[in-house]
PDB file of N, CA and C in Angstrom:
ATOM      1  N   MET A   1       0.840  -1.172   0.000  1.00  0.00           N
ATOM      2  CA  MET A   1       0.000   0.000   0.000  1.00  0.00           C
ATOM      3  C   MET A   1       0.890   1.241   0.000  1.00  0.00           C
ATOM      4  N   ILE A   2       0.598   2.169  -0.887  1.00  0.00           N
ATOM      5  CA  ILE A   2       1.354   3.414  -0.995  1.00  0.00           C
ATOM      6  C   ILE A   2       0.482   4.551  -0.501  1.00  0.00           C
ATOM      7  N   MET A   3       1.052   5.366   0.375  1.00  0.00           N
ATOM      8  CA  MET A   3       0.315   6.528   0.869  1.00  0.00           C
ATOM      9  C   MET A   3       1.067   7.794   0.479  1.00  0.00           C
ATOM     10  N   TYR A   4       0.311   8.766   0.052  1.00  0.00           N
ATOM     11  CA  TYR A   4       0.900  10.041  -0.327  1.00  0.00           C
ATOM     12  C   TYR A   4       0.408  11.113   0.631  1.00  0.00           C
ATOM     13  N   ALA A   5       1.306  11.962   1.040  1.00  0.00           N
ATOM     14  CA  ALA A   5       0.928  13.090   1.901  1.00  0.00           C
ATOM     15  C   ALA A   5       0.950  14.356   1.054  1.00  0.00           C
ATOM     16  N   PHE A   6      -0.146  15.038   1.045  1.00  0.00           N
ATOM     17  CA  PHE A   6      -0.228  16.289   0.294  1.00  0.00           C
ATOM     18  C   PHE A   6      -0.259  17.449   1.278  1.00  0.00           C
ATOM     19  N   GLN A   7       0.536  18.430   0.990  1.00  0.00           N
ATOM     20  CA  GLN A   7       0.606  19.598   1.850  1.00  0.00           C
ATOM     21  C   GLN A   7       0.004  20.767   1.089  1.00  0.00           C
ATOM     22  N   ASN A   8      -0.880  21.489   1.720  1.00  0.00           N
ATOM     23  CA  ASN A   8      -1.420  22.686   1.096  1.00  0.00           C
ATOM     24  C   ASN A   8      -0.350  23.763   1.141  1.00  0.00           C
ATOM     25  N   LYS A   9       0.269  23.995   0.010  1.00  0.00           N
ATOM     26  CA  LYS A   9       1.319  25.007  -0.039  1.00  0.00           C
ATOM     27  C   LYS A   9       0.705  26.290  -0.581  1.00  0.00           C
ATOM     28  N   ILE A  10       0.894  27.352   0.155  1.00  0.00           N
ATOM     29  CA  ILE A  10       0.360  28.632  -0.280  1.00  0.00           C
ATOM     30  C   ILE A  10       1.265  29.177  -1.377  1.00  0.00           C
ATOM     31  N   GLN A  11       0.653  29.594  -2.463  1.00  0.00           N
ATOM     32  CA  GLN A  11       1.381  30.105  -3.617  1.00  0.00           C
ATOM     33  C   GLN A  11       1.982  31.477  -3.312  1.00  0.00           C
ATOM     34  N   THR A  12       3.231  31.661  -3.663  1.00  0.00           N
ATOM     35  CA  THR A  12       3.892  32.957  -3.593  1.00  0.00           C
ATOM     36  C   THR A  12       4.023  33.435  -5.032  1.00  0.00           C
ATOM     37  N   SER A  13       3.401  34.579  -5.364  1.00  0.00           N
ATOM     38  CA  SER A  13       3.369  34.967  -6.769  1.00  0.00           C
ATOM     39  C   SER A  13       3.229  36.474  -6.972  1.00  0.00           C
ATOM     40  N   ILE A  14       3.435  36.859  -8.237  1.00  0.00           N
ATOM     41  CA  ILE A  14       3.234  38.235  -8.700  1.00  0.00           C
ATOM     42  C   ILE A  14       2.244  38.155  -9.854  1.00  0.00           C
ATOM     43  N   VAL A  15       1.194  38.970  -9.807  1.00  0.00           N
ATOM     44  CA  VAL A  15       0.197  38.989 -10.874  1.00  0.00           C
ATOM     45  C   VAL A  15      -0.055  40.428 -11.303  1.00  0.00           C
ATOM     46  N   GLY A  16      -0.596  40.590 -12.510  1.00  0.00           N
ATOM     47  CA  GLY A  16      -0.939  41.919 -12.997  1.00  0.00           C
ATOM     48  C   GLY A  16      -1.601  41.849 -14.350  1.00  0.00           C
ATOM     49  N   LYS A  17      -1.954  43.028 -14.857  1.00  0.00           N
ATOM     50  CA  LYS A  17      -2.604  43.143 -16.170  1.00  0.00           C
ATOM     51  C   LYS A  17      -1.956  44.282 -16.937  1.00  0.00           C
ATOM     52  N   ILE A  18      -2.073  44.193 -18.257  1.00  0.00           N
ATOM     53  CA  ILE A  18      -1.588  45.296 -19.089  1.00  0.00           C
ATOM     54  C   ILE A  18      -2.745  45.867 -19.898  1.00  0.00           C
ATOM     55  N   ASN A  19      -2.580  47.131 -20.270  1.00  0.00           N
ATOM     56  CA  ASN A  19      -3.563  47.815 -21.098  1.00  0.00           C
ATOM     57  C   ASN A  19      -2.798  48.627 -22.123  1.00  0.00           C
ATOM     58  N   PRO A  20      -3.033  48.437 -23.414  1.00  0.00           N
ATOM     59  CA  PRO A  20      -4.014  47.558 -24.034  1.00  0.00           C
ATOM     60  C   PRO A  20      -3.586  46.088 -23.954  1.00  0.00           C
ATOM     61  N   VAL A  21      -4.562  45.196 -24.024  1.00  0.00           N
ATOM     62  CA  VAL A  21      -4.274  43.767 -23.858  1.00  0.00           C
ATOM     63  C   VAL A  21      -3.370  43.219 -24.957  1.00  0.00           C
ATOM     64  N   SER A  22      -3.360  43.853 -26.122  1.00  0.00           N
ATOM     65  CA  SER A  22      -2.508  43.382 -27.227  1.00  0.00           C
ATOM     66  C   SER A  22      -1.147  44.067 -27.245  1.00  0.00           C
ATOM     67  N   GLY A  23      -0.827  44.846 -26.200  1.00  0.00           N
ATOM     68  CA  GLY A  23       0.395  45.651 -26.194  1.00  0.00           C
ATOM     69  C   GLY A  23       1.672  44.899 -25.877  1.00  0.00           C
ATOM     70  N   ALA A  24       1.560  43.661 -25.376  1.00  0.00           N
ATOM     71  CA  ALA A  24       2.753  42.884 -25.032  1.00  0.00           C
ATOM     72  C   ALA A  24       2.395  41.406 -25.003  1.00  0.00           C
ATOM     73  N   ASN A  25       3.417  40.563 -25.213  1.00  0.00           N
ATOM     74  CA  ASN A  25       3.219  39.116 -25.202  1.00  0.00           C
ATOM     75  C   ASN A  25       3.907  38.419 -24.038  1.00  0.00           C
ATOM     76  N   VAL A  26       4.964  39.066 -23.481  1.00  0.00           N
ATOM     77  CA  VAL A  26       5.775  38.417 -22.453  1.00  0.00           C
ATOM     78  C   VAL A  26       6.106  39.412 -21.336  1.00  0.00           C
ATOM     79  N   ALA A  27       6.131  38.890 -20.109  1.00  0.00           N
ATOM     80  CA  ALA A  27       6.568  39.667 -18.953  1.00  0.00           C
ATOM     81  C   ALA A  27       7.682  38.895 -18.257  1.00  0.00           C
ATOM     82  N   TRP A  28       8.591  39.630 -17.618  1.00  0.00           N
ATOM     83  CA  TRP A  28       9.716  39.052 -16.875  1.00  0.00           C
ATOM     84  C   TRP A  28       9.679  39.530 -15.441  1.00  0.00           C
ATOM     85  N   ALA A  29      10.095  38.685 -14.527  1.00  0.00           N
ATOM     86  CA  ALA A  29      10.315  39.083 -13.139  1.00  0.00           C
ATOM     87  C   ALA A  29      11.748  38.704 -12.800  1.00  0.00           C
ATOM     88  N   VAL A  30      12.521  39.666 -12.291  1.00  0.00           N
ATOM     89  CA  VAL A  30      13.938  39.443 -12.011  1.00  0.00           C
ATOM     90  C   VAL A  30      14.244  39.849 -10.572  1.00  0.00           C
ATOM     91  N   SER A  31      14.948  38.952  -9.852  1.00  0.00           N
ATOM     92  CA  SER A  31      15.402  39.241  -8.493  1.00  0.00           C
ATOM     93  C   SER A  31      16.776  38.607  -8.332  1.00  0.00           C
ATOM     94  N   GLY A  32      17.810  39.443  -8.304  1.00  0.00           N
ATOM     95  CA  GLY A  32      19.164  38.906  -8.210  1.00  0.00           C
ATOM     96  C   GLY A  32      19.444  37.981  -9.378  1.00  0.00           C
ATOM     97  N   ARG A  33      19.749  36.720  -9.080  1.00  0.00           N
ATOM     98  CA  ARG A  33      20.012  35.739 -10.137  1.00  0.00           C
ATOM     99  C   ARG A  33      18.769  34.973 -10.539  1.00  0.00           C
ATOM    100  N   ASP A  34      17.680  35.166  -9.819  1.00  0.00           N
ATOM    101  CA  ASP A  34      16.435  34.479 -10.147  1.00  0.00           C
ATOM    102  C   ASP A  34      15.642  35.275 -11.172  1.00  0.00           C
ATOM    103  N   SER A  35      15.067  34.574 -12.128  1.00  0.00           N
ATOM    104  CA  SER A  35      14.173  35.239 -13.073  1.00  0.00           C
ATOM    105  C   SER A  35      13.086  34.269 -13.497  1.00  0.00           C
ATOM    106  N   ALA A  36      11.967  34.831 -13.915  1.00  0.00           N
ATOM    107  CA  ALA A  36      10.843  34.035 -14.388  1.00  0.00           C
ATOM    108  C   ALA A  36      10.204  34.773 -15.552  1.00  0.00           C
ATOM    109  N   THR A  37       9.614  34.029 -16.455  1.00  0.00           N
ATOM    110  CA  THR A  37       8.881  34.645 -17.554  1.00  0.00           C
ATOM    111  C   THR A  37       7.429  34.190 -17.485  1.00  0.00           C
ATOM    112  N   SER A  38       6.582  35.018 -18.041  1.00  0.00           N
ATOM    113  CA  SER A  38       5.166  34.686 -18.118  1.00  0.00           C
ATOM    114  C   SER A  38       4.632  35.159 -19.454  1.00  0.00           C
ATOM    115  N   ASN A  39       3.933  34.292 -20.164  1.00  0.00           N
ATOM    116  CA  ASN A  39       3.221  34.737 -21.343  1.00  0.00           C
ATOM    117  C   ASN A  39       2.051  35.591 -20.877  1.00  0.00           C
ATOM    118  N   ILE A  40       1.767  36.643 -21.618  1.00  0.00           N
ATOM    119  CA  ILE A  40       0.639  37.509 -21.292  1.00  0.00           C
ATOM    120  C   ILE A  40      -0.548  37.017 -22.104  1.00  0.00           C
ATOM    121  N   VAL A  41      -1.589  36.591 -21.404  1.00  0.00           N
ATOM    122  CA  VAL A  41      -2.768  36.030 -22.053  1.00  0.00           C
ATOM    123  C   VAL A  41      -3.972  36.892 -21.691  1.00  0.00           C
ATOM    124  N   ASN A  42      -4.644  37.408 -22.718  1.00  0.00           N
ATOM    125  CA  ASN A  42      -5.783  38.307 -22.504  1.00  0.00           C
ATOM    126  C   ASN A  42      -5.418  39.467 -21.580  1.00  0.00           C
ATOM    127  N   GLY A  43      -4.180  39.944 -21.713  1.00  0.00           N
ATOM    128  CA  GLY A  43      -3.732  41.092 -20.937  1.00  0.00           C
ATOM    129  C   GLY A  43      -3.268  40.779 -19.527  1.00  0.00           C
ATOM    130  N   ALA A  44      -3.285  39.502 -19.112  1.00  0.00           N
ATOM    131  CA  ALA A  44      -2.926  39.150 -17.730  1.00  0.00           C
ATOM    132  C   ALA A  44      -1.641  38.320 -17.692  1.00  0.00           C
ATOM    133  N   PHE A  45      -0.873  38.503 -16.603  1.00  0.00           N
ATOM    134  CA  PHE A  45       0.324  37.691 -16.395  1.00  0.00           C
ATOM    135  C   PHE A  45       0.398  37.256 -14.947  1.00  0.00           C
ATOM    136  N   SER A  46       1.159  36.174 -14.702  1.00  0.00           N
ATOM    137  CA  SER A  46       1.312  35.636 -13.354  1.00  0.00           C
ATOM    138  C   SER A  46       2.637  34.900 -13.268  1.00  0.00           C
ATOM    139  N   PHE A  47       3.392  35.163 -12.197  1.00  0.00           N
ATOM    140  CA  PHE A  47       4.662  34.483 -11.946  1.00  0.00           C
ATOM    141  C   PHE A  47       4.586  33.776 -10.603  1.00  0.00           C
ATOM    142  N   SER A  48       5.128  32.567 -10.537  1.00  0.00           N
ATOM    143  CA  SER A  48       5.443  31.987  -9.228  1.00  0.00           C
ATOM    144  C   SER A  48       6.770  32.604  -8.830  1.00  0.00           C
ATOM    145  N   ALA A  49       6.902  32.998  -7.586  1.00  0.00           N
ATOM    146  CA  ALA A  49       8.102  33.717  -7.169  1.00  0.00           C
ATOM    147  C   ALA A  49       8.553  33.274  -5.790  1.00  0.00           C
ATOM    148  N   LYS A  50       9.853  33.316  -5.585  1.00  0.00           N
ATOM    149  CA  LYS A  50      10.412  33.129  -4.248  1.00  0.00           C
ATOM    150  C   LYS A  50      10.310  34.470  -3.527  1.00  0.00           C
ATOM    151  N   PRO A  51      10.325  34.481  -2.199  1.00  0.00           N
ATOM    152  CA  PRO A  51      10.337  35.757  -1.494  1.00  0.00           C
ATOM    153  C   PRO A  51      11.551  36.586  -1.916  1.00  0.00           C
ATOM    154  N   GLY A  52      11.361  37.895  -2.043  1.00  0.00           N
ATOM    155  CA  GLY A  52      12.450  38.780  -2.430  1.00  0.00           C
ATOM    156  C   GLY A  52      11.944  40.081  -3.012  1.00  0.00           C
ATOM    157  N   ILE A  53      12.873  40.865  -3.542  1.00  0.00           N
ATOM    158  CA  ILE A  53      12.566  42.142  -4.193  1.00  0.00           C
ATOM    159  C   ILE A  53      12.746  41.934  -5.692  1.00  0.00           C
ATOM    160  N   TYR A  54      11.715  42.255  -6.459  1.00  0.00           N
ATOM    161  CA  TYR A  54      11.709  41.985  -7.895  1.00  0.00           C
ATOM    162  C   TYR A  54      11.598  43.252  -8.726  1.00  0.00           C
ATOM    163  N   LYS A  55      12.103  43.118  -9.961  1.00  0.00           N
ATOM    164  CA  LYS A  55      11.845  44.082 -11.016  1.00  0.00           C
ATOM    165  C   LYS A  55      10.970  43.336 -12.020  1.00  0.00           C
ATOM    166  N   VAL A  56       9.841  43.948 -12.405  1.00  0.00           N
ATOM    167  CA  VAL A  56       8.953  43.341 -13.399  1.00  0.00           C
ATOM    168  C   VAL A  56       9.092  44.138 -14.685  1.00  0.00           C
ATOM    169  N   VAL A  57       9.368  43.429 -15.790  1.00  0.00           N
ATOM    170  CA  VAL A  57       9.558  44.059 -17.094  1.00  0.00           C
ATOM    171  C   VAL A  57       8.487  43.533 -18.046  1.00  0.00           C
ATOM    172  N   ILE A  58       7.741  44.458 -18.640  1.00  0.00           N
ATOM    173  CA  ILE A  58       6.755  44.101 -19.653  1.00  0.00           C
ATOM    174  C   ILE A  58       7.419  44.338 -21.006  1.00  0.00           C
ATOM    175  N   ASP A  59       7.585  43.271 -21.782  1.00  0.00           N
ATOM    176  CA  ASP A  59       8.237  43.332 -23.088  1.00  0.00           C
ATOM    177  C   ASP A  59       7.186  43.696 -24.135  1.00  0.00           C
ATOM    178  N   ALA A  60       7.032  44.996 -24.373  1.00  0.00           N
ATOM    179  CA  ALA A  60       5.968  45.508 -25.242  1.00  0.00           C
ATOM    180  C   ALA A  60       6.265  45.278 -26.723  1.00  0.00           C
ATOM    181  N   VAL A  61       5.202  45.301 -27.511  1.00  0.00           N
ATOM    182  CA  VAL A  61       5.325  45.218 -28.963  1.00  0.00           C
ATOM    183  C   VAL A  61       5.062  46.608 -29.539  1.00  0.00           C
ATOM    184  N   GLU A  62       5.611  46.879 -30.728  1.00  0.00           N
ATOM    185  CA  GLU A  62       5.416  48.177 -31.374  1.00  0.00           C
ATOM    186  C   GLU A  62       3.930  48.422 -31.542  1.00  0.00           C
ATOM    187  N   PRO A  63       3.442  49.602 -31.359  1.00  0.00           N
ATOM    188  CA  PRO A  63       4.137  50.870 -31.149  1.00  0.00           C
ATOM    189  C   PRO A  63       4.317  51.239 -29.678  1.00  0.00           C
ATOM    190  N   TYR A  64       4.251  50.267 -28.765  1.00  0.00           N
ATOM    191  CA  TYR A  64       4.322  50.558 -27.331  1.00  0.00           C
ATOM    192  C   TYR A  64       5.744  50.421 -26.784  1.00  0.00           C
ATOM    193  N   LYS A  65       5.988  51.098 -25.651  1.00  0.00           N
ATOM    194  CA  LYS A  65       7.283  51.045 -24.981  1.00  0.00           C
ATOM    195  C   LYS A  65       7.237  50.007 -23.858  1.00  0.00           C
ATOM    196  N   ASP A  66       8.384  49.352 -23.627  1.00  0.00           N
ATOM    197  CA  ASP A  66       8.490  48.427 -22.496  1.00  0.00           C
ATOM    198  C   ASP A  66       8.162  49.186 -21.209  1.00  0.00           C
ATOM    199  N   ALA A  67       7.584  48.471 -20.261  1.00  0.00           N
ATOM    200  CA  ALA A  67       7.289  49.055 -18.950  1.00  0.00           C
ATOM    201  C   ALA A  67       8.108  48.311 -17.904  1.00  0.00           C
ATOM    202  N   ILE A  68       8.651  49.048 -16.934  1.00  0.00           N
ATOM    203  CA  ILE A  68       9.467  48.447 -15.871  1.00  0.00           C
ATOM    204  C   ILE A  68       8.935  48.918 -14.528  1.00  0.00           C
ATOM    205  N   LEU A  69       8.671  47.957 -13.651  1.00  0.00           N
ATOM    206  CA  LEU A  69       8.277  48.256 -12.272  1.00  0.00           C
ATOM    207  C   LEU A  69       9.409  47.805 -11.375  1.00  0.00           C
ATOM    208  N   GLU A  70       9.870  48.668 -10.503  1.00  0.00           N
ATOM    209  CA  GLU A  70      11.002  48.368  -9.618  1.00  0.00           C
ATOM    210  C   GLU A  70      10.526  48.108  -8.193  1.00  0.00           C
ATOM    211  N   ASN A  71      11.355  47.409  -7.430  1.00  0.00           N
ATOM    212  CA  ASN A  71      11.158  47.221  -5.985  1.00  0.00           C
ATOM    213  C   ASN A  71       9.814  46.596  -5.612  1.00  0.00           C
ATOM    214  N   ILE A  72       9.441  45.534  -6.318  1.00  0.00           N
ATOM    215  CA  ILE A  72       8.228  44.788  -5.979  1.00  0.00           C
ATOM    216  C   ILE A  72       8.616  43.793  -4.880  1.00  0.00           C
ATOM    217  N   SER A  73       8.104  44.000  -3.672  1.00  0.00           N
ATOM    218  CA  SER A  73       8.464  43.170  -2.520  1.00  0.00           C
ATOM    219  C   SER A  73       7.487  42.001  -2.390  1.00  0.00           C
ATOM    220  N   VAL A  74       8.039  40.776  -2.397  1.00  0.00           N
ATOM    221  CA  VAL A  74       7.225  39.568  -2.303  1.00  0.00           C
ATOM    222  C   VAL A  74       7.617  38.809  -1.042  1.00  0.00           C
ATOM    223  N   LYS A  75       6.619  38.485  -0.228  1.00  0.00           N
ATOM    224  CA  LYS A  75       6.844  37.722   0.997  1.00  0.00           C
ATOM    225  C   LYS A  75       6.270  36.320   0.825  1.00  0.00           C
ATOM    226  N   GLU A  76       6.784  35.373   1.606  1.00  0.00           N
ATOM    227  CA  GLU A  76       6.353  33.976   1.545  1.00  0.00           C
ATOM    228  C   GLU A  76       4.830  33.875   1.686  1.00  0.00           C
ATOM    229  N   GLY A  77       4.197  33.119   0.769  1.00  0.00           N
ATOM    230  CA  GLY A  77       2.761  32.882   0.831  1.00  0.00           C
ATOM    231  C   GLY A  77       1.902  34.052   0.393  1.00  0.00           C
ATOM    232  N   GLN A  78       2.526  35.071  -0.189  1.00  0.00           N
ATOM    233  CA  GLN A  78       1.800  36.281  -0.575  1.00  0.00           C
ATOM    234  C   GLN A  78       1.651  36.363  -2.086  1.00  0.00           C
ATOM    235  N   THR A  79       0.488  36.803  -2.550  1.00  0.00           N
ATOM    236  CA  THR A  79       0.308  37.142  -3.957  1.00  0.00           C
ATOM    237  C   THR A  79       0.320  38.659  -4.055  1.00  0.00           C
ATOM    238  N   VAL A  80       1.259  39.189  -4.827  1.00  0.00           N
ATOM    239  CA  VAL A  80       1.370  40.632  -5.019  1.00  0.00           C
ATOM    240  C   VAL A  80       0.723  40.978  -6.349  1.00  0.00           C
ATOM    241  N   ASP A  81      -0.322  41.800  -6.304  1.00  0.00           N
ATOM    242  CA  ASP A  81      -0.998  42.260  -7.514  1.00  0.00           C
ATOM    243  C   ASP A  81      -0.470  43.655  -7.837  1.00  0.00           C
ATOM    244  N   VAL A  82       0.262  43.766  -8.959  1.00  0.00           N
ATOM    245  CA  VAL A  82       0.824  45.065  -9.337  1.00  0.00           C
ATOM    246  C   VAL A  82      -0.200  45.928 -10.065  1.00  0.00           C
ATOM    247  N   GLY A  83      -1.413  45.393 -10.232  1.00  0.00           N
ATOM    248  CA  GLY A  83      -2.505  46.170 -10.831  1.00  0.00           C
ATOM    249  C   GLY A  83      -2.390  46.246 -12.342  1.00  0.00           C
ATOM    250  N   GLU A  84      -3.017  47.296 -12.897  1.00  0.00           N
ATOM    251  CA  GLU A  84      -3.038  47.490 -14.343  1.00  0.00           C
ATOM    252  C   GLU A  84      -1.877  48.391 -14.757  1.00  0.00           C
ATOM    253  N   ILE A  85      -1.112  47.920 -15.719  1.00  0.00           N
ATOM    254  CA  ILE A  85       0.020  48.681 -16.250  1.00  0.00           C
ATOM    255  C   ILE A  85      -0.415  49.225 -17.615  1.00  0.00           C
ATOM    256  N   VAL A  86      -0.500  50.532 -17.717  1.00  0.00           N
ATOM    257  CA  VAL A  86      -0.899  51.161 -18.978  1.00  0.00           C
ATOM    258  C   VAL A  86       0.360  51.423 -19.793  1.00  0.00           C
ATOM    259  N   LEU A  87       0.422  50.788 -20.963  1.00  0.00           N
ATOM    260  CA  LEU A  87       1.601  50.920 -21.823  1.00  0.00           C
ATOM    261  C   LEU A  87       1.535  52.235 -22.593  1.00  0.00           C
ATOM    262  N   GLN A  88       2.685  52.896 -22.691  1.00  0.00           N
ATOM    263  CA  GLN A  88       2.796  54.158 -23.408  1.00  0.00           C
ATOM    264  C   GLN A  88       3.266  53.909 -24.837  1.00  0.00           C
ATOM    265  N   ARG A  89       2.810  54.762 -25.745  1.00  0.00           N
ATOM    266  CA  ARG A  89       3.283  54.654 -27.126  1.00  0.00           C
ATOM    267  C   ARG A  89       4.688  55.250 -27.236  1.00  0.00           C
ATOM    268  N   GLN A  90       5.459  54.718 -28.201  1.00  0.00           N
ATOM    269  CA  GLN A  90       6.814  55.221 -28.414  1.00  0.00           C
ATOM    270  C   GLN A  90       6.785  56.583 -29.037  1.00  0.00           C
TER     271      GLN A  90
END
């Protein structure tokens, strides 16, 4: 008989949205040597993240400019919602 123990692990993550929804396809989260990417789907992105201080980069498509958010603080078991990021035209 095999028994499995499942632990409810609280997700630590960064989430947000972009406007316009077609303004970018990929977002990055960078903290020191750690980085994560997220495809942007219907204007929304989500990263699983370790606790730390992150920079979030929205890799915009023309005619929009990349957006960068600095000093996003993530704590264990916390979901940080950076809200709506309005992309600027170049």
